[in-house]
Amino acid sequence: MTKENMKQNATVTVDGGYHPDTVVLKQGIPATITFNRINAAGCLDQVQLPDFDVLADLPLNKPQEIAIDTSKAGTYKFACGMNMFRGKVVIEP
């Protein structure tokens, strides 16, 4: 199976923070992170991934899929709309 035929999926539960708060992906394999907000409290109704030019609404109890560009290895931050809760995406070579 070639990298082009493979796909990575990760799920982050949004409940008073991000669980897990670190997502590890492999470089060069298409990836999707699904954010699933299950708690209406706080400012976690949006997620921003500035390095990927993403600002997405996270509807309550409706998983939101976000495609991640894995072409460059590194550590990339994500946060709620107010930058109070944070996590990271690690893309490993």
N, C-alpha and C. Protein backbone atom coordinates (compact mmCIF):
# COMPACT_ATOMS: atom_id res chain seq x y z
N MET A 1 0.85 -1.18 0.00
CA MET A 1 0.00 0.00 0.00
C MET A 1 0.89 1.24 0.00
N THR A 2 0.63 2.16 -0.89
CA THR A 2 1.42 3.38 -0.96
C THR A 2 0.85 4.42 -0.02
N LYS A 3 1.67 5.44 0.28
CA LYS A 3 1.21 6.51 1.17
C LYS A 3 -0.04 7.19 0.62
N GLU A 4 -0.14 7.28 -0.72
CA GLU A 4 -1.29 7.95 -1.32
C GLU A 4 -2.59 7.20 -1.04
N ASN A 5 -2.50 5.88 -0.83
CA ASN A 5 -3.70 5.07 -0.57
C ASN A 5 -4.05 5.01 0.91
N MET A 6 -3.16 5.50 1.77
CA MET A 6 -3.38 5.44 3.21
C MET A 6 -4.03 6.72 3.70
N LYS A 7 -4.61 6.67 4.89
CA LYS A 7 -5.21 7.86 5.48
C LYS A 7 -5.10 7.73 7.00
N GLN A 8 -4.88 8.85 7.64
CA GLN A 8 -4.81 8.89 9.10
C GLN A 8 -6.03 9.61 9.64
N ASN A 9 -6.56 9.10 10.73
CA ASN A 9 -7.69 9.73 11.40
C ASN A 9 -7.40 9.81 12.89
N ALA A 10 -7.71 10.96 13.47
CA ALA A 10 -7.58 11.14 14.91
C ALA A 10 -8.84 11.82 15.40
N THR A 11 -9.24 11.51 16.63
CA THR A 11 -10.41 12.13 17.24
C THR A 11 -10.00 12.85 18.51
N VAL A 12 -10.46 14.09 18.64
CA VAL A 12 -10.21 14.89 19.84
C VAL A 12 -11.57 15.22 20.45
N THR A 13 -11.76 14.80 21.69
CA THR A 13 -12.99 15.14 22.41
C THR A 13 -12.80 16.50 23.07
N VAL A 14 -13.78 17.38 22.85
CA VAL A 14 -13.73 18.73 23.41
C VAL A 14 -14.72 18.78 24.58
N ASP A 15 -14.14 18.76 25.79
CA ASP A 15 -14.95 18.70 27.00
C ASP A 15 -14.16 19.37 28.13
N GLY A 16 -14.29 20.69 28.24
CA GLY A 16 -13.52 21.43 29.24
C GLY A 16 -12.05 21.50 28.89
N GLY A 17 -11.71 21.23 27.67
CA GLY A 17 -10.34 21.18 27.16
C GLY A 17 -10.31 20.19 26.01
N TYR A 18 -9.12 19.82 25.58
CA TYR A 18 -8.95 18.89 24.47
C TYR A 18 -8.41 17.56 24.99
N HIS A 19 -9.05 16.48 24.61
CA HIS A 19 -8.65 15.15 25.07
C HIS A 19 -8.57 14.20 23.88
N PRO A 20 -7.40 13.80 23.41
CA PRO A 20 -6.09 14.18 23.92
C PRO A 20 -5.74 15.59 23.45
N ASP A 21 -4.76 16.19 24.10
CA ASP A 21 -4.34 17.54 23.69
C ASP A 21 -3.13 17.49 22.75
N THR A 22 -2.64 16.30 22.46
CA THR A 22 -1.57 16.13 21.47
C THR A 22 -1.98 15.03 20.49
N VAL A 23 -1.93 15.36 19.21
CA VAL A 23 -2.24 14.42 18.15
C VAL A 23 -0.96 14.19 17.37
N VAL A 24 -0.57 12.92 17.20
CA VAL A 24 0.65 12.59 16.47
C VAL A 24 0.27 11.96 15.14
N LEU A 25 0.81 12.54 14.05
CA LEU A 25 0.54 12.07 12.69
C LEU A 25 1.86 11.79 11.98
N LYS A 26 1.79 11.00 10.93
CA LYS A 26 2.96 10.70 10.11
C LYS A 26 2.98 11.64 8.91
N GLN A 27 4.17 12.12 8.59
CA GLN A 27 4.35 13.03 7.47
C GLN A 27 4.00 12.34 6.16
N GLY A 28 3.34 13.08 5.27
CA GLY A 28 3.08 12.61 3.92
C GLY A 28 1.87 11.71 3.75
N ILE A 29 1.17 11.39 4.83
CA ILE A 29 -0.04 10.56 4.75
C ILE A 29 -1.23 11.47 5.04
N PRO A 30 -2.20 11.55 4.11
CA PRO A 30 -3.36 12.43 4.34
C PRO A 30 -4.00 12.17 5.70
N ALA A 31 -4.40 13.26 6.36
CA ALA A 31 -4.91 13.12 7.72
C ALA A 31 -6.14 13.99 7.95
N THR A 32 -7.00 13.49 8.83
CA THR A 32 -8.18 14.21 9.28
C THR A 32 -8.24 14.13 10.80
N ILE A 33 -8.48 15.28 11.43
CA ILE A 33 -8.73 15.30 12.86
C ILE A 33 -10.21 15.63 13.04
N THR A 34 -10.90 14.80 13.80
CA THR A 34 -12.31 15.03 14.10
C THR A 34 -12.41 15.59 15.51
N PHE A 35 -12.92 16.81 15.61
CA PHE A 35 -13.15 17.44 16.90
C PHE A 35 -14.61 17.20 17.28
N ASN A 36 -14.85 16.63 18.45
CA ASN A 36 -16.20 16.28 18.91
C ASN A 36 -16.47 17.02 20.22
N ARG A 37 -17.20 18.13 20.14
CA ARG A 37 -17.51 18.94 21.33
C ARG A 37 -18.75 18.37 22.02
N ILE A 38 -18.57 17.94 23.28
CA ILE A 38 -19.67 17.30 24.01
C ILE A 38 -20.13 18.11 25.22
N ASN A 39 -19.53 19.30 25.42
CA ASN A 39 -19.87 20.13 26.57
C ASN A 39 -20.07 21.57 26.08
N ALA A 40 -21.18 22.18 26.43
CA ALA A 40 -21.49 23.53 25.95
C ALA A 40 -20.78 24.63 26.72
N ALA A 41 -20.15 24.31 27.84
CA ALA A 41 -19.52 25.33 28.69
C ALA A 41 -18.24 25.85 28.04
N GLY A 42 -17.90 27.10 28.36
CA GLY A 42 -16.62 27.66 27.96
C GLY A 42 -16.57 28.17 26.53
N CYS A 43 -15.36 28.47 26.11
CA CYS A 43 -15.14 29.09 24.80
C CYS A 43 -14.68 28.08 23.76
N LEU A 44 -15.01 26.82 23.97
CA LEU A 44 -14.52 25.77 23.10
C LEU A 44 -15.42 25.50 21.90
N ASP A 45 -16.25 26.50 21.53
CA ASP A 45 -17.13 26.31 20.39
C ASP A 45 -16.45 26.61 19.05
N GLN A 46 -15.15 26.96 19.11
CA GLN A 46 -14.35 27.15 17.90
C GLN A 46 -12.98 26.55 18.14
N VAL A 47 -12.34 26.14 17.05
CA VAL A 47 -10.96 25.70 17.12
C VAL A 47 -10.20 26.42 16.02
N GLN A 48 -8.99 26.85 16.36
CA GLN A 48 -8.14 27.50 15.37
C GLN A 48 -6.81 26.74 15.26
N LEU A 49 -6.41 26.54 14.02
CA LEU A 49 -5.12 25.94 13.70
C LEU A 49 -4.43 26.91 12.76
N PRO A 50 -3.76 27.94 13.31
CA PRO A 50 -3.24 29.02 12.48
C PRO A 50 -2.25 28.56 11.41
N ASP A 51 -1.44 27.55 11.70
CA ASP A 51 -0.46 27.09 10.72
C ASP A 51 -1.12 26.44 9.51
N PHE A 52 -2.37 26.02 9.66
CA PHE A 52 -3.11 25.40 8.56
C PHE A 52 -4.21 26.32 8.03
N ASP A 53 -4.22 27.57 8.51
CA ASP A 53 -5.20 28.57 8.10
C ASP A 53 -6.63 28.08 8.34
N VAL A 54 -6.87 27.52 9.54
CA VAL A 54 -8.17 26.97 9.88
C VAL A 54 -8.74 27.70 11.10
N LEU A 55 -9.98 28.13 10.98
CA LEU A 55 -10.79 28.60 12.09
C LEU A 55 -12.16 27.96 11.87
N ALA A 56 -12.52 26.99 12.71
CA ALA A 56 -13.73 26.22 12.49
C ALA A 56 -14.65 26.27 13.70
N ASP A 57 -15.94 26.37 13.44
CA ASP A 57 -16.94 26.25 14.50
C ASP A 57 -17.07 24.78 14.88
N LEU A 58 -17.29 24.53 16.15
CA LEU A 58 -17.48 23.17 16.65
C LEU A 58 -18.88 23.07 17.24
N PRO A 59 -19.86 22.67 16.43
CA PRO A 59 -21.22 22.54 16.95
C PRO A 59 -21.29 21.48 18.04
N LEU A 60 -22.14 21.69 19.00
CA LEU A 60 -22.29 20.76 20.12
C LEU A 60 -22.81 19.41 19.61
N ASN A 61 -22.14 18.34 20.01
CA ASN A 61 -22.51 16.96 19.67
C ASN A 61 -22.58 16.67 18.17
N LYS A 62 -21.84 17.43 17.38
CA LYS A 62 -21.76 17.19 15.93
C LYS A 62 -20.28 17.19 15.54
N PRO A 63 -19.70 16.01 15.35
CA PRO A 63 -18.27 15.93 15.03
C PRO A 63 -17.92 16.79 13.81
N GLN A 64 -16.80 17.50 13.92
CA GLN A 64 -16.33 18.39 12.86
C GLN A 64 -14.99 17.86 12.37
N GLU A 65 -14.93 17.46 11.10
CA GLU A 65 -13.70 16.94 10.52
C GLU A 65 -12.88 18.08 9.92
N ILE A 66 -11.58 18.04 10.20
CA ILE A 66 -10.66 19.05 9.66
C ILE A 66 -9.50 18.32 9.01
N ALA A 67 -9.30 18.59 7.73
CA ALA A 67 -8.18 17.99 7.00
C ALA A 67 -6.89 18.69 7.39
N ILE A 68 -5.84 17.91 7.58
CA ILE A 68 -4.54 18.43 7.99
C ILE A 68 -3.52 18.15 6.90
N ASP A 69 -2.78 19.18 6.51
CA ASP A 69 -1.70 19.04 5.54
C ASP A 69 -0.49 18.45 6.27
N THR A 70 -0.11 17.25 5.90
CA THR A 70 1.00 16.57 6.58
C THR A 70 2.29 16.60 5.76
N SER A 71 2.39 17.52 4.83
CA SER A 71 3.56 17.54 3.95
C SER A 71 4.84 17.98 4.66
N LYS A 72 4.72 18.72 5.77
CA LYS A 72 5.90 19.21 6.49
C LYS A 72 5.88 18.72 7.93
N ALA A 73 6.98 18.08 8.34
CA ALA A 73 7.10 17.63 9.72
C ALA A 73 7.24 18.83 10.65
N GLY A 74 6.78 18.67 11.87
CA GLY A 74 6.91 19.74 12.86
C GLY A 74 5.82 19.64 13.90
N THR A 75 5.82 20.62 14.80
CA THR A 75 4.82 20.71 15.85
C THR A 75 4.00 21.97 15.60
N TYR A 76 2.70 21.80 15.55
CA TYR A 76 1.78 22.88 15.22
C TYR A 76 0.73 23.00 16.32
N LYS A 77 0.42 24.23 16.70
CA LYS A 77 -0.50 24.47 17.80
C LYS A 77 -1.94 24.59 17.30
N PHE A 78 -2.87 24.19 18.18
CA PHE A 78 -4.27 24.53 17.98
C PHE A 78 -4.82 25.05 19.29
N ALA A 79 -5.90 25.82 19.20
CA ALA A 79 -6.46 26.46 20.39
C ALA A 79 -7.93 26.78 20.16
N CYS A 80 -8.61 27.07 21.27
CA CYS A 80 -9.99 27.54 21.17
C CYS A 80 -9.99 28.94 20.56
N GLY A 81 -11.18 29.44 20.25
CA GLY A 81 -11.31 30.75 19.63
C GLY A 81 -10.72 31.88 20.44
N MET A 82 -10.64 31.72 21.78
CA MET A 82 -10.09 32.76 22.64
C MET A 82 -8.66 32.46 23.07
N ASN A 83 -8.08 31.38 22.55
CA ASN A 83 -6.70 30.98 22.83
C ASN A 83 -6.47 30.65 24.31
N MET A 84 -7.51 30.19 24.99
CA MET A 84 -7.38 29.83 26.40
C MET A 84 -7.04 28.35 26.58
N PHE A 85 -7.59 27.51 25.72
CA PHE A 85 -7.32 26.07 25.77
C PHE A 85 -6.49 25.73 24.54
N ARG A 86 -5.45 24.92 24.75
CA ARG A 86 -4.50 24.67 23.66
C ARG A 86 -4.17 23.20 23.53
N GLY A 87 -3.73 22.86 22.34
CA GLY A 87 -3.24 21.52 22.05
C GLY A 87 -2.22 21.62 20.93
N LYS A 88 -1.75 20.46 20.49
CA LYS A 88 -0.77 20.49 19.39
C LYS A 88 -0.92 19.28 18.50
N VAL A 89 -0.50 19.49 17.25
CA VAL A 89 -0.42 18.44 16.26
C VAL A 89 1.06 18.24 15.98
N VAL A 90 1.53 17.02 16.16
CA VAL A 90 2.92 16.69 15.89
C VAL A 90 2.94 15.84 14.61
N ILE A 91 3.65 16.32 13.61
CA ILE A 91 3.80 15.56 12.36
C ILE A 91 5.22 15.03 12.33
N GLU A 92 5.33 13.70 12.40
CA GLU A 92 6.63 13.05 12.47
C GLU A 92 7.07 12.57 11.10
N PRO A 93 8.38 12.71 10.81
CA PRO A 93 8.88 12.23 9.51
C PRO A 93 8.80 10.71 9.41
